[in-house]
C-alpha atoms as a PDB file:
ATOM      1  CA  MET A   1     -24.503 -59.376-117.295  1.00  0.00           C
ATOM      2  CA  GLN A   2     -22.001 -62.289-117.015  1.00  0.00           C
ATOM      3  CA  GLN A   3     -18.965 -62.150-117.420  1.00  0.00           C
ATOM      4  CA  GLU A   4     -18.371 -64.420-120.427  1.00  0.00           C
ATOM      5  CA  GLU A   5     -21.209 -61.992-122.088  1.00  0.00           C
ATOM      6  CA  LEU A   6     -19.190 -58.792-121.409  1.00  0.00           C
ATOM      7  CA  PHE A   7     -16.422 -60.498-123.112  1.00  0.00           C
ATOM      8  CA  THR A   8     -18.500 -61.801-126.090  1.00  0.00           C
ATOM      9  CA  GLU A   9     -19.401 -57.766-126.355  1.00  0.00           C
ATOM     10  CA  ILE A  10     -15.507 -56.625-126.259  1.00  0.00           C
ATOM     11  CA  ARG A  11     -15.174 -58.997-129.084  1.00  0.00           C
ATOM     12  CA  GLN A  12     -17.781 -58.078-130.922  1.00  0.00           C
ATOM     13  CA  ALA A  13     -17.031 -54.673-131.032  1.00  0.00           C
ATOM     14  CA  GLN A  14     -13.276 -54.932-131.227  1.00  0.00           C
ATOM     15  CA  THR A  15     -14.285 -56.751-134.562  1.00  0.00           C
ATOM     16  CA  VAL A  16     -16.336 -53.810-135.851  1.00  0.00           C
ATOM     17  CA  GLY A  17     -14.284 -51.415-134.230  1.00  0.00           C
ATOM     18  CA  GLU A  18     -16.506 -50.193-132.108  1.00  0.00           C
ATOM     19  CA  ARG A  19     -15.285 -48.152-129.034  1.00  0.00           C
ATOM     20  CA  ARG A  20     -15.376 -49.878-125.566  1.00  0.00           C
ATOM     21  CA  VAL A  21     -13.628 -48.751-122.229  1.00  0.00           C
ATOM     22  CA  LEU A  22     -13.428 -51.611-119.747  1.00  0.00           C
ATOM     23  CA  ALA A  23     -13.045 -50.524-115.786  1.00  0.00           C
ATOM     24  CA  THR A  24     -11.946 -53.012-113.534  1.00  0.00           C
ATOM     25  CA  VAL A  25     -11.416 -52.942-109.813  1.00  0.00           C
ATOM     26  CA  ALA A  26      -7.922 -53.581-109.254  1.00  0.00           C
ATOM     27  CA  THR A  27      -7.332 -53.762-105.512  1.00  0.00           C
ATOM     28  CA  THR A  28      -9.571 -52.989-102.774  1.00  0.00           C
ATOM     29  CA  ARG A  29      -8.584 -52.087 -98.793  1.00  0.00           C
ATOM     30  CA  GLY A  30     -11.188 -52.076 -96.243  1.00  0.00           C
ATOM     31  CA  SER A  31     -15.061 -53.114 -96.876  1.00  0.00           C
ATOM     32  CA  THR A  32     -15.742 -52.499-100.734  1.00  0.00           C
ATOM     33  CA  PRO A  33     -18.975 -53.269-102.443  1.00  0.00           C
ATOM     34  CA  ARG A  34     -17.145 -55.721-105.358  1.00  0.00           C
ATOM     35  CA  GLY A  35     -13.640 -57.032-105.429  1.00  0.00           C
ATOM     36  CA  PRO A  36     -10.712 -56.786-107.259  1.00  0.00           C
ATOM     37  CA  GLY A  37     -11.523 -58.591-110.582  1.00  0.00           C
ATOM     38  CA  ALA A  38     -14.718 -56.789-111.220  1.00  0.00           C
ATOM     39  CA  HIS A  39     -16.284 -55.177-114.046  1.00  0.00           C
ATOM     40  CA  LEU A  40     -17.973 -52.300-116.016  1.00  0.00           C
ATOM     41  CA  LEU A  41     -18.081 -52.282-119.791  1.00  0.00           C
ATOM     42  CA  LEU A  42     -19.350 -48.760-121.219  1.00  0.00           C
ATOM     43  CA  ARG A  43     -20.415 -47.925-124.476  1.00  0.00           C
ATOM     44  CA  PRO A  44     -19.605 -44.848-126.596  1.00  0.00           C
ATOM     45  CA  ASP A  45     -23.203 -44.098-125.733  1.00  0.00           C
ATOM     46  CA  GLY A  46     -22.157 -43.974-122.037  1.00  0.00           C
ATOM     47  CA  THR A  47     -24.578 -47.156-121.118  1.00  0.00           C
ATOM     48  CA  PHE A  48     -22.700 -49.804-119.527  1.00  0.00           C
ATOM     49  CA  ALA A  49     -22.674 -53.706-118.779  1.00  0.00           C
ATOM     50  CA  GLY A  50     -21.682 -55.113-115.372  1.00  0.00           C
ATOM     51  CA  THR A  51     -20.656 -53.288-112.047  1.00  0.00           C
ATOM     52  CA  ILE A  52     -17.832 -52.503-110.288  1.00  0.00           C
ATOM     53  CA  GLY A  53     -20.743 -51.398-107.169  1.00  0.00           C
ATOM     54  CA  GLY A  54     -23.187 -48.571-107.816  1.00  0.00           C
ATOM     55  CA  GLY A  55     -23.393 -45.354-106.708  1.00  0.00           C
ATOM     56  CA  CYS A  56     -21.680 -42.552-106.075  1.00  0.00           C
ATOM     57  CA  GLY A  57     -18.063 -44.681-106.617  1.00  0.00           C
ATOM     58  CA  GLU A  58     -19.520 -46.242-109.710  1.00  0.00           C
ATOM     59  CA  ALA A  59     -20.483 -42.829-111.410  1.00  0.00           C
ATOM     60  CA  GLU A  60     -16.812 -41.330-110.783  1.00  0.00           C
ATOM     61  CA  VAL A  61     -15.438 -44.416-112.363  1.00  0.00           C
ATOM     62  CA  TRP A  62     -18.590 -43.692-115.135  1.00  0.00           C
ATOM     63  CA  GLN A  63     -16.666 -40.176-115.464  1.00  0.00           C
ATOM     64  CA  GLU A  64     -13.362 -40.728-116.182  1.00  0.00           C
ATOM     65  CA  ALA A  65     -14.430 -44.344-118.166  1.00  0.00           C
ATOM     66  CA  MET A  66     -15.598 -41.455-120.697  1.00  0.00           C
ATOM     67  CA  GLU A  67     -12.659 -39.736-120.608  1.00  0.00           C
ATOM     68  CA  THR A  68     -10.480 -42.672-121.692  1.00  0.00           C
ATOM     69  CA  MET A  69     -13.497 -43.320-124.140  1.00  0.00           C
ATOM     70  CA  ALA A  70     -12.416 -40.187-125.885  1.00  0.00           C
ATOM     71  CA  ASP A  71      -8.568 -39.652-125.468  1.00  0.00           C
ATOM     72  CA  GLY A  72      -7.579 -43.470-125.357  1.00  0.00           C
ATOM     73  CA  LYS A  73      -5.602 -43.161-122.021  1.00  0.00           C
ATOM     74  CA  PRO A  74      -5.643 -45.823-119.609  1.00  0.00           C
ATOM     75  CA  ARG A  75      -6.184 -44.265-115.930  1.00  0.00           C
ATOM     76  CA  VAL A  76      -6.091 -45.887-112.294  1.00  0.00           C
ATOM     77  CA  VAL A  77      -9.122 -43.700-110.300  1.00  0.00           C
ATOM     78  CA  THR A  78      -9.116 -44.466-106.236  1.00  0.00           C
ATOM     79  CA  VAL A  79     -12.237 -44.782-105.214  1.00  0.00           C
ATOM     80  CA  ASP A  80     -12.562 -43.393-101.583  1.00  0.00           C
ATOM     81  CA  LEU A  81     -15.312 -45.004 -99.856  1.00  0.00           C
ATOM     82  CA  THR A  82     -14.483 -44.110 -96.353  1.00  0.00           C
ATOM     83  CA  THR A  83     -15.148 -39.958 -96.709  1.00  0.00           C
ATOM     84  CA  PRO A  84     -18.476 -38.706 -96.281  1.00  0.00           C
ATOM     85  CA  VAL A  85     -20.296 -36.784 -99.691  1.00  0.00           C
ATOM     86  CA  ASP A  86     -22.839 -34.412 -99.301  1.00  0.00           C
ATOM     87  CA  GLY A  87     -23.558 -35.051 -95.634  1.00  0.00           C
ATOM     88  CA  ASP A  88     -24.302 -38.451 -96.138  1.00  0.00           C
ATOM     89  CA  ASP A  89     -22.331 -41.490 -94.882  1.00  0.00           C
ATOM     90  CA  LYS A  90     -21.044 -44.019 -97.255  1.00  0.00           C
ATOM     91  CA  ILE A  91     -21.897 -47.604 -96.815  1.00  0.00           C
ATOM     92  CA  CYS A  92     -19.018 -49.576 -97.427  1.00  0.00           C
ATOM     93  CA  GLY A  93     -16.073 -47.536 -95.773  1.00  0.00           C
ATOM     94  CA  GLY A  94     -12.865 -48.977 -97.962  1.00  0.00           C
ATOM     95  CA  VAL A  95     -11.135 -48.319-100.882  1.00  0.00           C
ATOM     96  CA  MET A  96     -10.408 -49.559-104.554  1.00  0.00           C
ATOM     97  CA  GLU A  97      -8.307 -48.761-106.774  1.00  0.00           C
ATOM     98  CA  VAL A  98     -10.179 -49.382-110.496  1.00  0.00           C
ATOM     99  CA  PHE A  99      -8.326 -49.777-114.128  1.00  0.00           C
ATOM    100  CA  ILE A 100      -9.729 -48.179-116.986  1.00  0.00           C
ATOM    101  CA  GLU A 101      -8.837 -49.167-120.587  1.00  0.00           C
ATOM    102  CA  ARG A 102     -10.284 -48.968-124.129  1.00  0.00           C
ATOM    103  CA  VAL A 103     -10.371 -52.153-125.498  1.00  0.00           C
ATOM    104  CA  SER A 104     -11.614 -51.765-128.441  1.00  0.00           C
ATOM    105  CA  GLY A 105     -11.970 -48.639-131.655  1.00  0.00           C
END
């Protein structure tokens, strides 16, 4: 989904009062799958548009975004792609800080 389409969906959700949560890569250090400004837009049913890089990092952000969907509280999530998880090496080796906020509803 292109960024323009993502923001169109946000505007449409705002018009009808549907909830949406936007996760935005705010800062990065080292090698990361996406840079600052990358977005993931979460819908109430858990589906999403856009990406902040995929894999376990995106899954961690998705979980926190669902919490924001429920309670409306913004969050900053630090995604550390330098430490192996379950014995597997991380591909990128950097760190991303992702800002999560409810943008409608």
